[in-house]
Amino acid sequence: MTDNDDLRALVRTIPDYPKPGIQFRDVSTLLLDGPAFRQTIDRMIALVDPDGFDLIAGIEARGFIVSAAMSYALEKGKVMLRKPGKLPGQSVSIDYALEYGTDRIEMHDDAIRPGQRVLLVDDLLATGGTAMAGVELLRGQGAEVERALFIVDLPDLGGGKTLEAAGVEPTALMAFAGD
């Protein structure tokens, strides 16, 4: 992890959201700052080899913002991992557990060709439930997913270890320990 204290200072902490005891790391304050958002995308791109993947998958909602900017800059296709009922075509889905409940994500069933290499991108890595759901959904359609990229990691919640156990290398611009 590189020194990204300038960006880290722009991430707001919202205590007890979405439930008591959760310290929510809100990247929306970082996204409000245009030059900082550009630096975030540039620094995330610097962490990956663009030849190492064919597509970028972003998880709704904040992961869409980051993955779309990266897709544009790298001229890579973008796979949308969406909340239920948002995709117009045939889709596949997976249910997963969050640190504060359960959820489901979907993708078009024809978004991936078997063997395509996909970089998974989201704003935050906590327990790894959402990221692992994305990995499993993509792999279930034949994708090779070996890398996941985040703005923020909450390492004490174990998401990185969960991804590593599944053969996915997690990388984040910054970490907030103790949360």
Protein backbone atom coordinates (compact mmCIF):
# COMPACT_ATOMS: atom_id res chain seq x y z
CA MET A 1 0.00 0.00 0.00
CA THR A 2 1.36 3.42 -0.91
CA ASP A 3 1.07 6.60 1.11
CA ASN A 4 -2.38 7.95 0.31
CA ASP A 5 -2.89 10.07 3.42
CA ASP A 6 -4.08 12.98 1.29
CA LEU A 7 -6.97 10.86 0.00
CA ARG A 8 -7.50 9.11 3.33
CA ALA A 9 -8.18 12.49 4.95
CA LEU A 10 -11.14 12.96 2.62
CA VAL A 11 -12.93 9.75 3.68
CA ARG A 12 -15.62 10.56 6.23
CA THR A 13 -16.44 8.27 9.16
CA ILE A 14 -20.11 7.92 10.07
CA PRO A 15 -20.52 6.16 13.43
CA ASP A 16 -23.31 3.66 14.05
CA TYR A 17 -24.36 3.36 10.39
CA PRO A 18 -26.17 1.35 9.16
CA LYS A 19 -26.49 -0.08 12.67
CA PRO A 20 -24.94 0.54 16.09
CA GLY A 21 -21.30 -0.43 16.34
CA ILE A 22 -20.49 0.01 12.64
CA GLN A 23 -17.99 2.73 11.73
CA PHE A 24 -19.05 3.44 8.13
CA ARG A 25 -16.20 4.72 5.94
CA ASP A 26 -17.94 7.00 3.48
CA VAL A 27 -16.02 7.63 0.24
CA SER A 28 -18.68 10.03 -1.05
CA THR A 29 -16.75 12.91 0.53
CA LEU A 30 -13.66 11.82 -1.41
CA LEU A 31 -15.71 11.65 -4.62
CA LEU A 32 -16.94 15.22 -4.07
CA ASP A 33 -13.40 16.50 -4.58
CA GLY A 34 -12.74 16.36 -8.35
CA PRO A 35 -8.93 16.42 -8.23
CA ALA A 36 -8.91 13.86 -5.40
CA PHE A 37 -11.29 11.59 -7.31
CA ARG A 38 -9.00 11.80 -10.34
CA GLN A 39 -6.00 10.96 -8.13
CA THR A 40 -7.92 8.03 -6.67
CA ILE A 41 -8.58 6.57 -10.11
CA ASP A 42 -5.04 7.25 -11.33
CA ARG A 43 -3.53 5.62 -8.24
CA MET A 44 -5.83 2.61 -8.50
CA ILE A 45 -4.86 2.17 -12.15
CA ALA A 46 -1.18 2.35 -11.15
CA LEU A 47 -1.71 -0.68 -8.89
CA VAL A 48 -2.68 -3.03 -11.74
CA ASP A 49 -1.26 -4.31 -15.00
CA PRO A 50 -3.84 -3.41 -17.67
CA ASP A 51 -2.70 -6.41 -19.71
CA GLY A 52 -3.61 -8.70 -16.81
CA PHE A 53 -7.38 -8.50 -17.32
CA ASP A 54 -9.97 -8.14 -20.07
CA LEU A 55 -12.90 -6.58 -18.21
CA ILE A 56 -13.57 -4.61 -15.03
CA ALA A 57 -16.50 -5.63 -12.84
CA GLY A 58 -17.97 -3.02 -10.52
CA ILE A 59 -20.36 -3.71 -7.66
CA GLU A 60 -23.38 -1.41 -7.28
CA ALA A 61 -23.40 1.35 -6.22
CA ARG A 62 -20.12 3.08 -5.34
CA GLY A 63 -18.13 0.35 -7.07
CA PHE A 64 -19.86 1.43 -10.30
CA ILE A 65 -18.35 4.89 -10.01
CA VAL A 66 -14.81 3.66 -9.55
CA SER A 67 -14.99 0.83 -12.06
CA ALA A 68 -16.60 3.03 -14.72
CA ALA A 69 -13.84 5.63 -14.40
CA MET A 70 -11.18 2.92 -14.58
CA SER A 71 -12.90 1.24 -17.55
CA TYR A 72 -12.98 4.55 -19.40
CA ALA A 73 -9.33 5.38 -18.69
CA LEU A 74 -8.10 1.89 -19.59
CA GLU A 75 -10.52 1.36 -22.50
CA LYS A 76 -11.73 -1.88 -20.92
CA GLY A 77 -15.26 -3.22 -20.94
CA LYS A 78 -17.31 -2.92 -17.76
CA VAL A 79 -19.42 -5.65 -16.15
CA MET A 80 -22.23 -4.42 -13.92
CA LEU A 81 -22.91 -6.39 -10.72
CA ARG A 82 -26.30 -4.99 -9.75
CA LYS A 83 -28.93 -5.19 -7.07
CA PRO A 84 -31.92 -7.40 -7.93
CA GLY A 85 -34.38 -6.37 -10.61
CA LYS A 86 -32.20 -3.66 -12.22
CA LEU A 87 -31.02 -5.53 -15.32
CA PRO A 88 -33.31 -5.71 -18.35
CA GLY A 89 -32.03 -9.00 -19.82
CA GLN A 90 -31.64 -12.55 -18.56
CA SER A 91 -29.50 -12.56 -15.45
CA VAL A 92 -27.84 -14.82 -12.90
CA SER A 93 -27.69 -13.95 -9.22
CA ILE A 94 -26.16 -14.87 -5.91
CA ASP A 95 -27.25 -14.24 -2.32
CA TYR A 96 -24.64 -13.35 0.28
CA ALA A 97 -24.20 -12.27 3.89
CA LEU A 98 -23.09 -8.79 4.92
CA GLU A 99 -21.67 -7.73 8.26
CA TYR A 100 -25.11 -6.21 8.95
CA GLY A 101 -27.59 -8.38 6.99
CA THR A 102 -28.01 -10.16 3.66
CA ASP A 103 -28.18 -9.04 0.06
CA ARG A 104 -28.14 -10.25 -3.54
CA ILE A 105 -26.31 -9.19 -6.68
CA GLU A 106 -27.00 -10.05 -10.31
CA MET A 107 -25.33 -9.77 -13.68
CA HIS A 108 -26.41 -10.43 -17.24
CA ASP A 109 -25.97 -14.10 -18.01
CA ASP A 110 -24.13 -13.26 -21.24
CA ALA A 111 -21.77 -10.59 -19.81
CA ILE A 112 -18.81 -12.97 -19.53
CA ARG A 113 -17.25 -15.32 -22.03
CA PRO A 114 -15.61 -18.33 -20.38
CA GLY A 115 -11.93 -17.66 -19.74
CA GLN A 116 -12.18 -13.87 -19.67
CA ARG A 117 -10.00 -12.31 -16.99
CA VAL A 118 -11.93 -9.90 -14.79
CA LEU A 119 -10.70 -7.32 -12.29
CA LEU A 120 -13.23 -6.87 -9.49
CA VAL A 121 -13.53 -3.28 -8.19
CA ASP A 122 -15.47 -1.80 -5.27
CA ASP A 123 -15.12 1.12 -2.93
CA LEU A 124 -14.62 -0.77 0.33
CA LEU A 125 -13.51 -4.16 1.61
CA ALA A 126 -14.91 -5.13 5.03
CA THR A 127 -15.79 -8.76 5.78
CA GLY A 128 -15.46 -9.69 2.12
CA GLY A 129 -19.06 -10.88 1.75
CA THR A 130 -19.93 -8.61 -1.15
CA ALA A 131 -16.58 -9.07 -2.88
CA MET A 132 -16.76 -12.87 -2.53
CA ALA A 133 -20.28 -12.83 -3.93
CA GLY A 134 -18.93 -10.91 -6.92
CA VAL A 135 -16.08 -13.37 -7.35
CA GLU A 136 -18.41 -16.37 -7.13
CA LEU A 137 -20.94 -14.82 -9.52
CA LEU A 138 -18.24 -14.03 -12.09
CA ARG A 139 -16.50 -17.38 -11.73
CA GLY A 140 -19.86 -19.12 -12.02
CA GLN A 141 -20.09 -17.70 -15.53
CA GLY A 142 -16.58 -18.83 -16.45
CA ALA A 143 -14.55 -15.73 -15.59
CA GLU A 144 -11.05 -15.87 -14.18
CA VAL A 145 -10.93 -13.56 -11.15
CA GLU A 146 -7.52 -13.28 -9.53
CA ARG A 147 -7.47 -9.67 -8.37
CA ALA A 148 -9.79 -7.29 -6.51
CA LEU A 149 -9.17 -3.59 -6.04
CA PHE A 150 -10.66 -1.24 -3.44
CA ILE A 151 -10.32 2.35 -2.29
CA VAL A 152 -10.62 1.39 1.41
CA ASP A 153 -9.80 -1.79 3.32
CA LEU A 154 -10.96 -2.47 6.87
CA PRO A 155 -8.35 -5.18 7.57
CA ASP A 156 -9.58 -6.09 11.04
CA LEU A 157 -12.83 -7.39 9.53
CA GLY A 158 -10.96 -10.07 7.56
CA GLY A 159 -12.18 -9.51 4.02
CA GLY A 160 -8.68 -9.60 2.59
CA LYS A 161 -8.01 -12.99 4.14
CA THR A 162 -11.33 -14.28 2.82
CA LEU A 163 -10.42 -13.22 -0.71
CA GLU A 164 -6.90 -14.61 -0.45
CA ALA A 165 -8.30 -17.97 0.67
CA ALA A 166 -10.32 -17.99 -2.56
CA GLY A 167 -7.25 -17.25 -4.69
CA VAL A 168 -7.98 -13.55 -5.16
CA GLU A 169 -5.33 -10.92 -4.42
CA PRO A 170 -6.94 -7.92 -2.67
CA THR A 171 -5.36 -4.48 -2.99
CA ALA A 172 -6.55 -1.18 -1.51
CA LEU A 173 -5.35 2.40 -1.62
CA MET A 174 -5.78 2.83 2.12
CA ALA A 175 -6.71 0.95 5.28
CA PHE A 176 -8.58 1.94 8.42
CA ALA A 177 -7.46 -0.44 11.15
CA GLY A 178 -9.45 -1.03 14.31
CA ASP A 179 -12.83 -0.74 12.62
